[in-house]
Amino acid sequence: MFPITRIFSDESGESHFEDVMIPLSDQGEIGFLSESHAVKNIIFREVLPSYDYDFHNAPQHQYIILLDGGVEIETSLGEKRSFKTGDILLVEDTTGKGHKTKNLETKTRKSIFITI
């Protein structure tokens, strides 16, 4: 199983976290693989050390892969979670009240967005 965290909006517009496990199957010498997932684009991103973005919605459904540095994300209901290098998020709160994001370290942070 491959863990990711989903951020989504409910019918009332409140944002939430959901822990999701992507199933993997044994493919022998090449390792364990998930099923294929269709994607649209890949976007490379870098933010300044002072990054602290108030409530916002995701611009589209996308995976975010944290390459270096940690972030704290807060839902509209006040729940906060910290994510570290290597964590993967599935961000789907394109409507509703959105979420806050801020760097946890005072360094430039790199990530990859994969739109779906």
PDB file of N, CA and C in Angstrom:
ATOM      1  N   MET A   1       0.838  -1.189   0.000  1.00  0.00           N
ATOM      2  CA  MET A   1       0.000   0.000   0.000  1.00  0.00           C
ATOM      3  C   MET A   1       0.884   1.254   0.000  1.00  0.00           C
ATOM      4  N   PHE A   2       0.407   2.266  -0.690  1.00  0.00           N
ATOM      5  CA  PHE A   2       1.137   3.517  -0.834  1.00  0.00           C
ATOM      6  C   PHE A   2       0.280   4.626  -0.231  1.00  0.00           C
ATOM      7  N   PRO A   3       0.717   5.279   0.860  1.00  0.00           N
ATOM      8  CA  PRO A   3      -0.123   6.268   1.543  1.00  0.00           C
ATOM      9  C   PRO A   3      -0.085   7.648   0.885  1.00  0.00           C
ATOM     10  N   ILE A   4      -1.248   8.286   0.767  1.00  0.00           N
ATOM     11  CA  ILE A   4      -1.346   9.693   0.370  1.00  0.00           C
ATOM     12  C   ILE A   4      -2.395  10.341   1.257  1.00  0.00           C
ATOM     13  N   THR A   5      -2.394  11.666   1.312  1.00  0.00           N
ATOM     14  CA  THR A   5      -3.406  12.407   2.052  1.00  0.00           C
ATOM     15  C   THR A   5      -4.233  13.211   1.063  1.00  0.00           C
ATOM     16  N   ARG A   6      -5.527  13.030   1.141  1.00  0.00           N
ATOM     17  CA  ARG A   6      -6.463  13.751   0.271  1.00  0.00           C
ATOM     18  C   ARG A   6      -7.017  14.942   1.033  1.00  0.00           C
ATOM     19  N   ILE A   7      -7.117  16.090   0.353  1.00  0.00           N
ATOM     20  CA  ILE A   7      -7.769  17.277   0.900  1.00  0.00           C
ATOM     21  C   ILE A   7      -8.957  17.559  -0.007  1.00  0.00           C
ATOM     22  N   PHE A   8     -10.149  17.607   0.575  1.00  0.00           N
ATOM     23  CA  PHE A   8     -11.365  17.762  -0.233  1.00  0.00           C
ATOM     24  C   PHE A   8     -12.377  18.633   0.506  1.00  0.00           C
ATOM     25  N   SER A   9     -13.381  19.105  -0.231  1.00  0.00           N
ATOM     26  CA  SER A   9     -14.476  19.888   0.339  1.00  0.00           C
ATOM     27  C   SER A   9     -15.729  19.032   0.408  1.00  0.00           C
ATOM     28  N   ASP A  10     -16.469  19.188   1.516  1.00  0.00           N
ATOM     29  CA  ASP A  10     -17.744  18.477   1.633  1.00  0.00           C
ATOM     30  C   ASP A  10     -18.877  19.320   1.029  1.00  0.00           C
ATOM     31  N   GLU A  11     -20.102  18.857   1.158  1.00  0.00           N
ATOM     32  CA  GLU A  11     -21.265  19.531   0.582  1.00  0.00           C
ATOM     33  C   GLU A  11     -21.475  20.926   1.174  1.00  0.00           C
ATOM     34  N   SER A  12     -20.986  21.149   2.397  1.00  0.00           N
ATOM     35  CA  SER A  12     -21.119  22.455   3.056  1.00  0.00           C
ATOM     36  C   SER A  12     -19.974  23.396   2.729  1.00  0.00           C
ATOM     37  N   GLY A  13     -19.001  22.923   1.949  1.00  0.00           N
ATOM     38  CA  GLY A  13     -17.856  23.758   1.589  1.00  0.00           C
ATOM     39  C   GLY A  13     -16.695  23.688   2.561  1.00  0.00           C
ATOM     40  N   GLU A  14     -16.818  22.864   3.601  1.00  0.00           N
ATOM     41  CA  GLU A  14     -15.729  22.718   4.579  1.00  0.00           C
ATOM     42  C   GLU A  14     -14.670  21.774   4.014  1.00  0.00           C
ATOM     43  N   SER A  15     -13.411  22.095   4.275  1.00  0.00           N
ATOM     44  CA  SER A  15     -12.325  21.239   3.795  1.00  0.00           C
ATOM     45  C   SER A  15     -11.936  20.230   4.868  1.00  0.00           C
ATOM     46  N   HIS A  16     -11.489  19.063   4.403  1.00  0.00           N
ATOM     47  CA  HIS A  16     -11.154  17.939   5.289  1.00  0.00           C
ATOM     48  C   HIS A  16      -9.915  17.217   4.767  1.00  0.00           C
ATOM     49  N   PHE A  17      -9.284  16.466   5.673  1.00  0.00           N
ATOM     50  CA  PHE A  17      -8.224  15.519   5.317  1.00  0.00           C
ATOM     51  C   PHE A  17      -8.821  14.120   5.263  1.00  0.00           C
ATOM     52  N   GLU A  18      -8.273  13.296   4.385  1.00  0.00           N
ATOM     53  CA  GLU A  18      -8.622  11.880   4.352  1.00  0.00           C
ATOM     54  C   GLU A  18      -7.351  11.099   4.028  1.00  0.00           C
ATOM     55  N   ASP A  19      -7.056  10.102   4.836  1.00  0.00           N
ATOM     56  CA  ASP A  19      -5.912   9.230   4.569  1.00  0.00           C
ATOM     57  C   ASP A  19      -6.347   8.160   3.573  1.00  0.00           C
ATOM     58  N   VAL A  20      -5.598   8.042   2.497  1.00  0.00           N
ATOM     59  CA  VAL A  20      -5.926   7.110   1.416  1.00  0.00           C
ATOM     60  C   VAL A  20      -4.741   6.180   1.205  1.00  0.00           C
ATOM     61  N   MET A  21      -5.025   4.922   0.965  1.00  0.00           N
ATOM     62  CA  MET A  21      -3.977   3.947   0.653  1.00  0.00           C
ATOM     63  C   MET A  21      -4.161   3.475  -0.786  1.00  0.00           C
ATOM     64  N   ILE A  22      -3.140   3.648  -1.596  1.00  0.00           N
ATOM     65  CA  ILE A  22      -3.169   3.192  -2.983  1.00  0.00           C
ATOM     66  C   ILE A  22      -2.657   1.751  -3.004  1.00  0.00           C
ATOM     67  N   PRO A  23      -3.472   0.809  -3.488  1.00  0.00           N
ATOM     68  CA  PRO A  23      -3.029  -0.587  -3.515  1.00  0.00           C
ATOM     69  C   PRO A  23      -1.886  -0.799  -4.514  1.00  0.00           C
ATOM     70  N   LEU A  24      -0.978  -1.671  -4.135  1.00  0.00           N
ATOM     71  CA  LEU A  24       0.150  -2.047  -4.981  1.00  0.00           C
ATOM     72  C   LEU A  24       0.099  -3.548  -5.211  1.00  0.00           C
ATOM     73  N   SER A  25       0.571  -3.966  -6.381  1.00  0.00           N
ATOM     74  CA  SER A  25       0.645  -5.405  -6.640  1.00  0.00           C
ATOM     75  C   SER A  25       2.079  -5.785  -6.984  1.00  0.00           C
ATOM     76  N   ASP A  26       2.450  -6.976  -6.580  1.00  0.00           N
ATOM     77  CA  ASP A  26       3.803  -7.484  -6.779  1.00  0.00           C
ATOM     78  C   ASP A  26       4.048  -7.723  -8.269  1.00  0.00           C
ATOM     79  N   GLN A  27       5.046  -7.034  -8.803  1.00  0.00           N
ATOM     80  CA  GLN A  27       5.408  -7.173 -10.210  1.00  0.00           C
ATOM     81  C   GLN A  27       6.783  -7.824 -10.363  1.00  0.00           C
ATOM     82  N   GLY A  28       7.151  -8.582  -9.363  1.00  0.00           N
ATOM     83  CA  GLY A  28       8.407  -9.324  -9.430  1.00  0.00           C
ATOM     84  C   GLY A  28       9.632  -8.441  -9.255  1.00  0.00           C
ATOM     85  N   GLU A  29      10.611  -8.618 -10.113  1.00  0.00           N
ATOM     86  CA  GLU A  29      11.900  -7.924  -9.983  1.00  0.00           C
ATOM     87  C   GLU A  29      11.793  -6.408 -10.037  1.00  0.00           C
ATOM     88  N   ILE A  30      10.754  -5.877 -10.713  1.00  0.00           N
ATOM     89  CA  ILE A  30      10.651  -4.414 -10.816  1.00  0.00           C
ATOM     90  C   ILE A  30       9.956  -3.795  -9.612  1.00  0.00           C
ATOM     91  N   GLY A  31       9.465  -4.605  -8.693  1.00  0.00           N
ATOM     92  CA  GLY A  31       8.884  -4.077  -7.465  1.00  0.00           C
ATOM     93  C   GLY A  31       7.374  -4.151  -7.426  1.00  0.00           C
ATOM     94  N   PHE A  32       6.790  -3.314  -6.592  1.00  0.00           N
ATOM     95  CA  PHE A  32       5.345  -3.263  -6.380  1.00  0.00           C
ATOM     96  C   PHE A  32       4.805  -2.018  -7.067  1.00  0.00           C
ATOM     97  N   LEU A  33       3.786  -2.166  -7.907  1.00  0.00           N
ATOM     98  CA  LEU A  33       3.246  -1.059  -8.685  1.00  0.00           C
ATOM     99  C   LEU A  33       1.749  -0.893  -8.432  1.00  0.00           C
ATOM    100  N   SER A  34       1.294   0.348  -8.535  1.00  0.00           N
ATOM    101  CA  SER A  34      -0.144   0.620  -8.511  1.00  0.00           C
ATOM    102  C   SER A  34      -0.682   0.458  -9.925  1.00  0.00           C
ATOM    103  N   GLU A  35      -2.001   0.534 -10.030  1.00  0.00           N
ATOM    104  CA  GLU A  35      -2.597   0.629 -11.357  1.00  0.00           C
ATOM    105  C   GLU A  35      -2.232   1.988 -11.942  1.00  0.00           C
ATOM    106  N   SER A  36      -2.303   2.111 -13.238  1.00  0.00           N
ATOM    107  CA  SER A  36      -2.010   3.363 -13.920  1.00  0.00           C
ATOM    108  C   SER A  36      -3.096   4.399 -13.621  1.00  0.00           C
ATOM    109  N   HIS A  37      -2.674   5.663 -13.436  1.00  0.00           N
ATOM    110  CA  HIS A  37      -3.604   6.762 -13.207  1.00  0.00           C
ATOM    111  C   HIS A  37      -3.397   7.785 -14.325  1.00  0.00           C
ATOM    112  N   ALA A  38      -4.463   8.171 -15.002  1.00  0.00           N
ATOM    113  CA  ALA A  38      -4.369   9.168 -16.067  1.00  0.00           C
ATOM    114  C   ALA A  38      -4.068  10.542 -15.468  1.00  0.00           C
ATOM    115  N   VAL A  39      -3.164  11.293 -16.088  1.00  0.00           N
ATOM    116  CA  VAL A  39      -2.817  12.641 -15.645  1.00  0.00           C
ATOM    117  C   VAL A  39      -2.815  13.573 -16.858  1.00  0.00           C
ATOM    118  N   LYS A  40      -2.876  14.890 -16.575  1.00  0.00           N
ATOM    119  CA  LYS A  40      -2.898  15.889 -17.646  1.00  0.00           C
ATOM    120  C   LYS A  40      -1.537  16.556 -17.844  1.00  0.00           C
ATOM    121  N   ASN A  41      -1.011  17.127 -16.752  1.00  0.00           N
ATOM    122  CA  ASN A  41       0.201  17.943 -16.830  1.00  0.00           C
ATOM    123  C   ASN A  41       1.081  17.720 -15.615  1.00  0.00           C
ATOM    124  N   ILE A  42       2.326  18.157 -15.751  1.00  0.00           N
ATOM    125  CA  ILE A  42       3.237  18.193 -14.610  1.00  0.00           C
ATOM    126  C   ILE A  42       3.756  19.625 -14.507  1.00  0.00           C
ATOM    127  N   ILE A  43       3.781  20.145 -13.278  1.00  0.00           N
ATOM    128  CA  ILE A  43       4.215  21.513 -13.022  1.00  0.00           C
ATOM    129  C   ILE A  43       5.282  21.461 -11.932  1.00  0.00           C
ATOM    130  N   PHE A  44       6.417  22.090 -12.178  1.00  0.00           N
ATOM    131  CA  PHE A  44       7.493  22.168 -11.202  1.00  0.00           C
ATOM    132  C   PHE A  44       7.346  23.496 -10.466  1.00  0.00           C
ATOM    133  N   ARG A  45       7.489  23.463  -9.141  1.00  0.00           N
ATOM    134  CA  ARG A  45       7.219  24.656  -8.333  1.00  0.00           C
ATOM    135  C   ARG A  45       8.303  24.875  -7.290  1.00  0.00           C
ATOM    136  N   GLU A  46       8.572  26.155  -7.034  1.00  0.00           N
ATOM    137  CA  GLU A  46       9.491  26.557  -5.981  1.00  0.00           C
ATOM    138  C   GLU A  46       8.861  27.751  -5.272  1.00  0.00           C
ATOM    139  N   VAL A  47       8.833  27.719  -3.928  1.00  0.00           N
ATOM    140  CA  VAL A  47       8.297  28.844  -3.155  1.00  0.00           C
ATOM    141  C   VAL A  47       9.375  29.365  -2.204  1.00  0.00           C
ATOM    142  N   LEU A  48       9.259  30.645  -1.893  1.00  0.00           N
ATOM    143  CA  LEU A  48      10.215  31.305  -1.008  1.00  0.00           C
ATOM    144  C   LEU A  48      10.079  30.801   0.427  1.00  0.00           C
ATOM    145  N   PRO A  49      11.123  30.972   1.231  1.00  0.00           N
ATOM    146  CA  PRO A  49      11.074  30.517   2.627  1.00  0.00           C
ATOM    147  C   PRO A  49       9.919  31.119   3.428  1.00  0.00           C
ATOM    148  N   SER A  50       9.492  32.324   3.071  1.00  0.00           N
ATOM    149  CA  SER A  50       8.433  33.019   3.817  1.00  0.00           C
ATOM    150  C   SER A  50       7.026  32.589   3.405  1.00  0.00           C
ATOM    151  N   TYR A  51       6.889  31.576   2.561  1.00  0.00           N
ATOM    152  CA  TYR A  51       5.588  31.161   2.039  1.00  0.00           C
ATOM    153  C   TYR A  51       4.598  30.871   3.163  1.00  0.00           C
ATOM    154  N   ASP A  52       3.503  31.618   3.178  1.00  0.00           N
ATOM    155  CA  ASP A  52       2.423  31.481   4.166  1.00  0.00           C
ATOM    156  C   ASP A  52       1.163  31.966   3.469  1.00  0.00           C
ATOM    157  N   TYR A  53       0.432  31.039   2.847  1.00  0.00           N
ATOM    158  CA  TYR A  53      -0.685  31.376   1.964  1.00  0.00           C
ATOM    159  C   TYR A  53      -1.997  31.166   2.695  1.00  0.00           C
ATOM    160  N   ASP A  54      -2.772  32.253   2.829  1.00  0.00           N
ATOM    161  CA  ASP A  54      -4.046  32.209   3.542  1.00  0.00           C
ATOM    162  C   ASP A  54      -5.041  31.317   2.798  1.00  0.00           C
ATOM    163  N   PHE A  55      -6.252  31.211   3.287  1.00  0.00           N
ATOM    164  CA  PHE A  55      -7.238  30.298   2.717  1.00  0.00           C
ATOM    165  C   PHE A  55      -7.372  30.477   1.210  1.00  0.00           C
ATOM    166  N   HIS A  56      -7.326  29.349   0.517  1.00  0.00           N
ATOM    167  CA  HIS A  56      -7.418  29.320  -0.943  1.00  0.00           C
ATOM    168  C   HIS A  56      -7.921  27.953  -1.371  1.00  0.00           C
ATOM    169  N   ASN A  57      -8.430  27.884  -2.570  1.00  0.00           N
ATOM    170  CA  ASN A  57      -8.845  26.611  -3.156  1.00  0.00           C
ATOM    171  C   ASN A  57      -7.752  26.118  -4.087  1.00  0.00           C
ATOM    172  N   ALA A  58      -7.689  24.816  -4.262  1.00  0.00           N
ATOM    173  CA  ALA A  58      -6.794  24.250  -5.267  1.00  0.00           C
ATOM    174  C   ALA A  58      -7.286  24.715  -6.642  1.00  0.00           C
ATOM    175  N   PRO A  59      -6.371  25.079  -7.550  1.00  0.00           N
ATOM    176  CA  PRO A  59      -6.795  25.558  -8.870  1.00  0.00           C
ATOM    177  C   PRO A  59      -7.365  24.453  -9.759  1.00  0.00           C
ATOM    178  N   GLN A  60      -7.014  23.210  -9.450  1.00  0.00           N
ATOM    179  CA  GLN A  60      -7.525  22.045 -10.176  1.00  0.00           C
ATOM    180  C   GLN A  60      -7.230  20.820  -9.311  1.00  0.00           C
ATOM    181  N   HIS A  61      -7.818  19.688  -9.663  1.00  0.00           N
ATOM    182  CA  HIS A  61      -7.510  18.449  -8.957  1.00  0.00           C
ATOM    183  C   HIS A  61      -6.067  18.101  -9.299  1.00  0.00           C
ATOM    184  N   GLN A  62      -5.266  17.843  -8.267  1.00  0.00           N
ATOM    185  CA  GLN A  62      -3.853  17.592  -8.523  1.00  0.00           C
ATOM    186  C   GLN A  62      -3.203  16.843  -7.368  1.00  0.00           C
ATOM    187  N   TYR A  63      -2.181  16.096  -7.732  1.00  0.00           N
ATOM    188  CA  TYR A  63      -1.279  15.517  -6.745  1.00  0.00           C
ATOM    189  C   TYR A  63      -0.179  16.539  -6.504  1.00  0.00           C
ATOM    190  N   ILE A  64       0.272  16.635  -5.265  1.00  0.00           N
ATOM    191  CA  ILE A  64       1.434  17.462  -4.928  1.00  0.00           C
ATOM    192  C   ILE A  64       2.441  16.545  -4.262  1.00  0.00           C
ATOM    193  N   ILE A  65       3.638  16.510  -4.817  1.00  0.00           N
ATOM    194  CA  ILE A  65       4.737  15.721  -4.255  1.00  0.00           C
ATOM    195  C   ILE A  65       5.730  16.704  -3.643  1.00  0.00           C
ATOM    196  N   LEU A  66       5.962  16.589  -2.343  1.00  0.00           N
ATOM    197  CA  LEU A  66       6.896  17.478  -1.648  1.00  0.00           C
ATOM    198  C   LEU A  66       8.316  16.957  -1.828  1.00  0.00           C
ATOM    199  N   LEU A  67       9.136  17.737  -2.504  1.00  0.00           N
ATOM    200  CA  LEU A  67      10.503  17.308  -2.795  1.00  0.00           C
ATOM    201  C   LEU A  67      11.483  17.647  -1.687  1.00  0.00           C
ATOM    202  N   ASP A  68      11.291  18.783  -1.039  1.00  0.00           N
ATOM    203  CA  ASP A  68      12.168  19.159   0.083  1.00  0.00           C
ATOM    204  C   ASP A  68      11.446  20.181   0.952  1.00  0.00           C
ATOM    205  N   GLY A  69      11.657  20.096   2.213  1.00  0.00           N
ATOM    206  CA  GLY A  69      11.021  21.014   3.145  1.00  0.00           C
ATOM    207  C   GLY A  69       9.619  20.568   3.524  1.00  0.00           C
ATOM    208  N   GLY A  70       9.190  20.996   4.687  1.00  0.00           N
ATOM    209  CA  GLY A  70       7.877  20.619   5.184  1.00  0.00           C
ATOM    210  C   GLY A  70       6.874  21.743   5.072  1.00  0.00           C
ATOM    211  N   VAL A  71       5.592  21.360   5.118  1.00  0.00           N
ATOM    212  CA  VAL A  71       4.497  22.331   5.109  1.00  0.00           C
ATOM    213  C   VAL A  71       3.492  21.969   6.191  1.00  0.00           C
ATOM    214  N   GLU A  72       2.780  22.986   6.637  1.00  0.00           N
ATOM    215  CA  GLU A  72       1.627  22.776   7.503  1.00  0.00           C
ATOM    216  C   GLU A  72       0.401  23.208   6.713  1.00  0.00           C
ATOM    217  N   ILE A  73      -0.615  22.356   6.696  1.00  0.00           N
ATOM    218  CA  ILE A  73      -1.859  22.679   6.011  1.00  0.00           C
ATOM    219  C   ILE A  73      -2.967  22.686   7.061  1.00  0.00           C
ATOM    220  N   GLU A  74      -3.825  23.707   6.966  1.00  0.00           N
ATOM    221  CA  GLU A  74      -4.954  23.850   7.882  1.00  0.00           C
ATOM    222  C   GLU A  74      -6.250  23.828   7.086  1.00  0.00           C
ATOM    223  N   THR A  75      -7.207  22.998   7.506  1.00  0.00           N
ATOM    224  CA  THR A  75      -8.514  22.947   6.853  1.00  0.00           C
ATOM    225  C   THR A  75      -9.374  24.114   7.335  1.00  0.00           C
ATOM    226  N   SER A  76     -10.513  24.294   6.676  1.00  0.00           N
ATOM    227  CA  SER A  76     -11.439  25.362   7.072  1.00  0.00           C
ATOM    228  C   SER A  76     -12.015  25.131   8.469  1.00  0.00           C
ATOM    229  N   LEU A  77     -11.962  23.900   8.962  1.00  0.00           N
ATOM    230  CA  LEU A  77     -12.466  23.581  10.304  1.00  0.00           C
ATOM    231  C   LEU A  77     -11.392  23.700  11.373  1.00  0.00           C
ATOM    232  N   GLY A  78     -10.171  24.128  10.975  1.00  0.00           N
ATOM    233  CA  GLY A  78      -9.098  24.349  11.937  1.00  0.00           C
ATOM    234  C   GLY A  78      -8.196  23.158  12.192  1.00  0.00           C
ATOM    235  N   GLU A  79      -8.436  22.027  11.531  1.00  0.00           N
ATOM    236  CA  GLU A  79      -7.542  20.878  11.697  1.00  0.00           C
ATOM    237  C   GLU A  79      -6.236  21.164  10.957  1.00  0.00           C
ATOM    238  N   LYS A  80      -5.122  20.899  11.621  1.00  0.00           N
ATOM    239  CA  LYS A  80      -3.803  21.131  11.030  1.00  0.00           C
ATOM    240  C   LYS A  80      -3.036  19.826  10.949  1.00  0.00           C
ATOM    241  N   ARG A  81      -2.316  19.667   9.845  1.00  0.00           N
ATOM    242  CA  ARG A  81      -1.411  18.536   9.690  1.00  0.00           C
ATOM    243  C   ARG A  81      -0.103  19.036   9.088  1.00  0.00           C
ATOM    244  N   SER A  82       0.974  18.412   9.511  1.00  0.00           N
ATOM    245  CA  SER A  82       2.294  18.721   8.954  1.00  0.00           C
ATOM    246  C   SER A  82       2.692  17.608   7.998  1.00  0.00           C
ATOM    247  N   PHE A  83       3.321  18.003   6.901  1.00  0.00           N
ATOM    248  CA  PHE A  83       3.789  17.071   5.883  1.00  0.00           C
ATOM    249  C   PHE A  83       5.258  17.323   5.639  1.00  0.00           C
ATOM    250  N   LYS A  84       5.978  16.263   5.320  1.00  0.00           N
ATOM    251  CA  LYS A  84       7.434  16.348   5.186  1.00  0.00           C
ATOM    252  C   LYS A  84       7.871  15.959   3.773  1.00  0.00           C
ATOM    253  N   THR A  85       9.151  16.123   3.529  1.00  0.00           N
ATOM    254  CA  THR A  85       9.749  15.717   2.262  1.00  0.00           C
ATOM    255  C   THR A  85       9.320  14.301   1.913  1.00  0.00           C
ATOM    256  N   GLY A  86       8.870  14.120   0.659  1.00  0.00           N
ATOM    257  CA  GLY A  86       8.466  12.805   0.187  1.00  0.00           C
ATOM    258  C   GLY A  86       6.985  12.519   0.321  1.00  0.00           C
ATOM    259  N   ASP A  87       6.266  13.314   1.118  1.00  0.00           N
ATOM    260  CA  ASP A  87       4.828  13.098   1.255  1.00  0.00           C
ATOM    261  C   ASP A  87       4.106  13.486  -0.034  1.00  0.00           C
ATOM    262  N   ILE A  88       2.961  12.836  -0.271  1.00  0.00           N
ATOM    263  CA  ILE A  88       2.159  13.092  -1.456  1.00  0.00           C
ATOM    264  C   ILE A  88       0.750  13.462  -1.018  1.00  0.00           C
ATOM    265  N   LEU A  89       0.248  14.546  -1.595  1.00  0.00           N
ATOM    266  CA  LEU A  89      -1.097  15.029  -1.308  1.00  0.00           C
ATOM    267  C   LEU A  89      -1.942  14.917  -2.568  1.00  0.00           C
ATOM    268  N   LEU A  90      -3.209  14.619  -2.398  1.00  0.00           N
ATOM    269  CA  LEU A  90      -4.185  14.686  -3.478  1.00  0.00           C
ATOM    270  C   LEU A  90      -5.113  15.838  -3.102  1.00  0.00           C
ATOM    271  N   VAL A  91      -4.977  16.961  -3.802  1.00  0.00           N
ATOM    272  CA  VAL A  91      -5.691  18.179  -3.444  1.00  0.00           C
ATOM    273  C   VAL A  91      -6.896  18.330  -4.367  1.00  0.00           C
ATOM    274  N   GLU A  92      -8.095  18.282  -3.763  1.00  0.00           N
ATOM    275  CA  GLU A  92      -9.325  18.317  -4.548  1.00  0.00           C
ATOM    276  C   GLU A  92     -10.343  19.337  -4.030  1.00  0.00           C
ATOM    277  N   ASP A  93      -9.925  20.238  -3.164  1.00  0.00           N
ATOM    278  CA  ASP A  93     -10.864  21.247  -2.651  1.00  0.00           C
ATOM    279  C   ASP A  93     -10.894  22.459  -3.588  1.00  0.00           C
ATOM    280  N   THR A  94     -11.386  22.240  -4.792  1.00  0.00           N
ATOM    281  CA  THR A  94     -11.438  23.294  -5.811  1.00  0.00           C
ATOM    282  C   THR A  94     -12.602  24.250  -5.586  1.00  0.00           C
ATOM    283  N   THR A  95     -13.519  23.913  -4.692  1.00  0.00           N
ATOM    284  CA  THR A  95     -14.634  24.778  -4.297  1.00  0.00           C
ATOM    285  C   THR A  95     -14.699  24.789  -2.778  1.00  0.00           C
ATOM    286  N   GLY A  96     -15.528  25.652  -2.242  1.00  0.00           N
ATOM    287  CA  GLY A  96     -15.700  25.705  -0.797  1.00  0.00           C
ATOM    288  C   GLY A  96     -14.765  26.708  -0.150  1.00  0.00           C
ATOM    289  N   LYS A  97     -14.461  26.479   1.126  1.00  0.00           N
ATOM    290  CA  LYS A  97     -13.705  27.442   1.934  1.00  0.00           C
ATOM    291  C   LYS A  97     -12.195  27.299   1.793  1.00  0.00           C
ATOM    292  N   GLY A  98     -11.725  26.196   1.231  1.00  0.00           N
ATOM    293  CA  GLY A  98     -10.301  26.039   0.968  1.00  0.00           C
ATOM    294  C   GLY A  98      -9.480  25.656   2.182  1.00  0.00           C
ATOM    295  N   HIS A  99      -8.173  25.869   2.055  1.00  0.00           N
ATOM    296  CA  HIS A  99      -7.203  25.497   3.084  1.00  0.00           C
ATOM    297  C   HIS A  99      -6.076  26.525   3.122  1.00  0.00           C
ATOM    298  N   LYS A 100      -5.329  26.546   4.229  1.00  0.00           N
ATOM    299  CA  LYS A 100      -4.136  27.395   4.389  1.00  0.00           C
ATOM    300  C   LYS A 100      -2.906  26.517   4.236  1.00  0.00           C
ATOM    301  N   THR A 101      -1.825  27.101   3.734  1.00  0.00           N
ATOM    302  CA  THR A 101      -0.561  26.377   3.599  1.00  0.00           C
ATOM    303  C   THR A 101       0.585  27.293   4.021  1.00  0.00           C
ATOM    304  N   LYS A 102       1.521  26.746   4.813  1.00  0.00           N
ATOM    305  CA  LYS A 102       2.709  27.538   5.140  1.00  0.00           C
ATOM    306  C   LYS A 102       3.920  26.630   5.280  1.00  0.00           C
ATOM    307  N   ASN A 103       5.072  27.189   4.931  1.00  0.00           N
ATOM    308  CA  ASN A 103       6.335  26.471   5.091  1.00  0.00           C
ATOM    309  C   ASN A 103       6.618  26.257   6.567  1.00  0.00           C
ATOM    310  N   LEU A 104       7.217  25.118   6.880  1.00  0.00           N
ATOM    311  CA  LEU A 104       7.632  24.838   8.256  1.00  0.00           C
ATOM    312  C   LEU A 104       9.110  25.136   8.469  1.00  0.00           C
ATOM    313  N   GLU A 105       9.835  25.305   7.392  1.00  0.00           N
ATOM    314  CA  GLU A 105      11.262  25.581   7.479  1.00  0.00           C
ATOM    315  C   GLU A 105      11.562  26.883   6.755  1.00  0.00           C
ATOM    316  N   THR A 106      12.585  27.580   7.207  1.00  0.00           N
ATOM    317  CA  THR A 106      12.955  28.840   6.572  1.00  0.00           C
ATOM    318  C   THR A 106      13.948  28.578   5.440  1.00  0.00           C
ATOM    319  N   LYS A 107      13.454  27.885   4.423  1.00  0.00           N
ATOM    320  CA  LYS A 107      14.253  27.637   3.223  1.00  0.00           C
ATOM    321  C   LYS A 107      13.312  27.539   2.038  1.00  0.00           C
ATOM    322  N   THR A 108      13.872  27.752   0.858  1.00  0.00           N
ATOM    323  CA  THR A 108      13.098  27.594  -0.359  1.00  0.00           C
ATOM    324  C   THR A 108      12.636  26.150  -0.449  1.00  0.00           C
ATOM    325  N   ARG A 109      11.367  25.954  -0.848  1.00  0.00           N
ATOM    326  CA  ARG A 109      10.789  24.621  -0.919  1.00  0.00           C
ATOM    327  C   ARG A 109      10.398  24.299  -2.350  1.00  0.00           C
ATOM    328  N   LYS A 110      10.706  23.075  -2.772  1.00  0.00           N
ATOM    329  CA  LYS A 110      10.369  22.613  -4.113  1.00  0.00           C
ATOM    330  C   LYS A 110       9.302  21.517  -4.031  1.00  0.00           C
ATOM    331  N   SER A 111       8.416  21.527  -5.023  1.00  0.00           N
ATOM    332  CA  SER A 111       7.387  20.497  -5.117  1.00  0.00           C
ATOM    333  C   SER A 111       7.018  20.297  -6.580  1.00  0.00           C
ATOM    334  N   ILE A 112       6.290  19.231  -6.834  1.00  0.00           N
ATOM    335  CA  ILE A 112       5.793  18.927  -8.171  1.00  0.00           C
ATOM    336  C   ILE A 112       4.284  18.800  -8.084  1.00  0.00           C
ATOM    337  N   PHE A 113       3.578  19.459  -9.006  1.00  0.00           N
ATOM    338  CA  PHE A 113       2.130  19.317  -9.141  1.00  0.00           C
ATOM    339  C   PHE A 113       1.875  18.415 -10.348  1.00  0.00           C
ATOM    340  N   ILE A 114       1.029  17.430 -10.177  1.00  0.00           N
ATOM    341  CA  ILE A 114       0.603  16.573 -11.273  1.00  0.00           C
ATOM    342  C   ILE A 114      -0.901  16.706 -11.380  1.00  0.00           C
ATOM    343  N   THR A 115      -1.374  17.400 -12.418  1.00  0.00           N
ATOM    344  CA  THR A 115      -2.805  17.652 -12.546  1.00  0.00           C
ATOM    345  C   THR A 115      -3.523  16.428 -13.125  1.00  0.00           C
ATOM    346  N   ILE A 116      -4.760  16.237 -12.634  1.00  0.00           N
ATOM    347  CA  ILE A 116      -5.541  15.069 -13.061  1.00  0.00           C
ATOM    348  C   ILE A 116      -6.911  15.494 -13.566  1.00  0.00           C
TER     349      ILE A 116
END
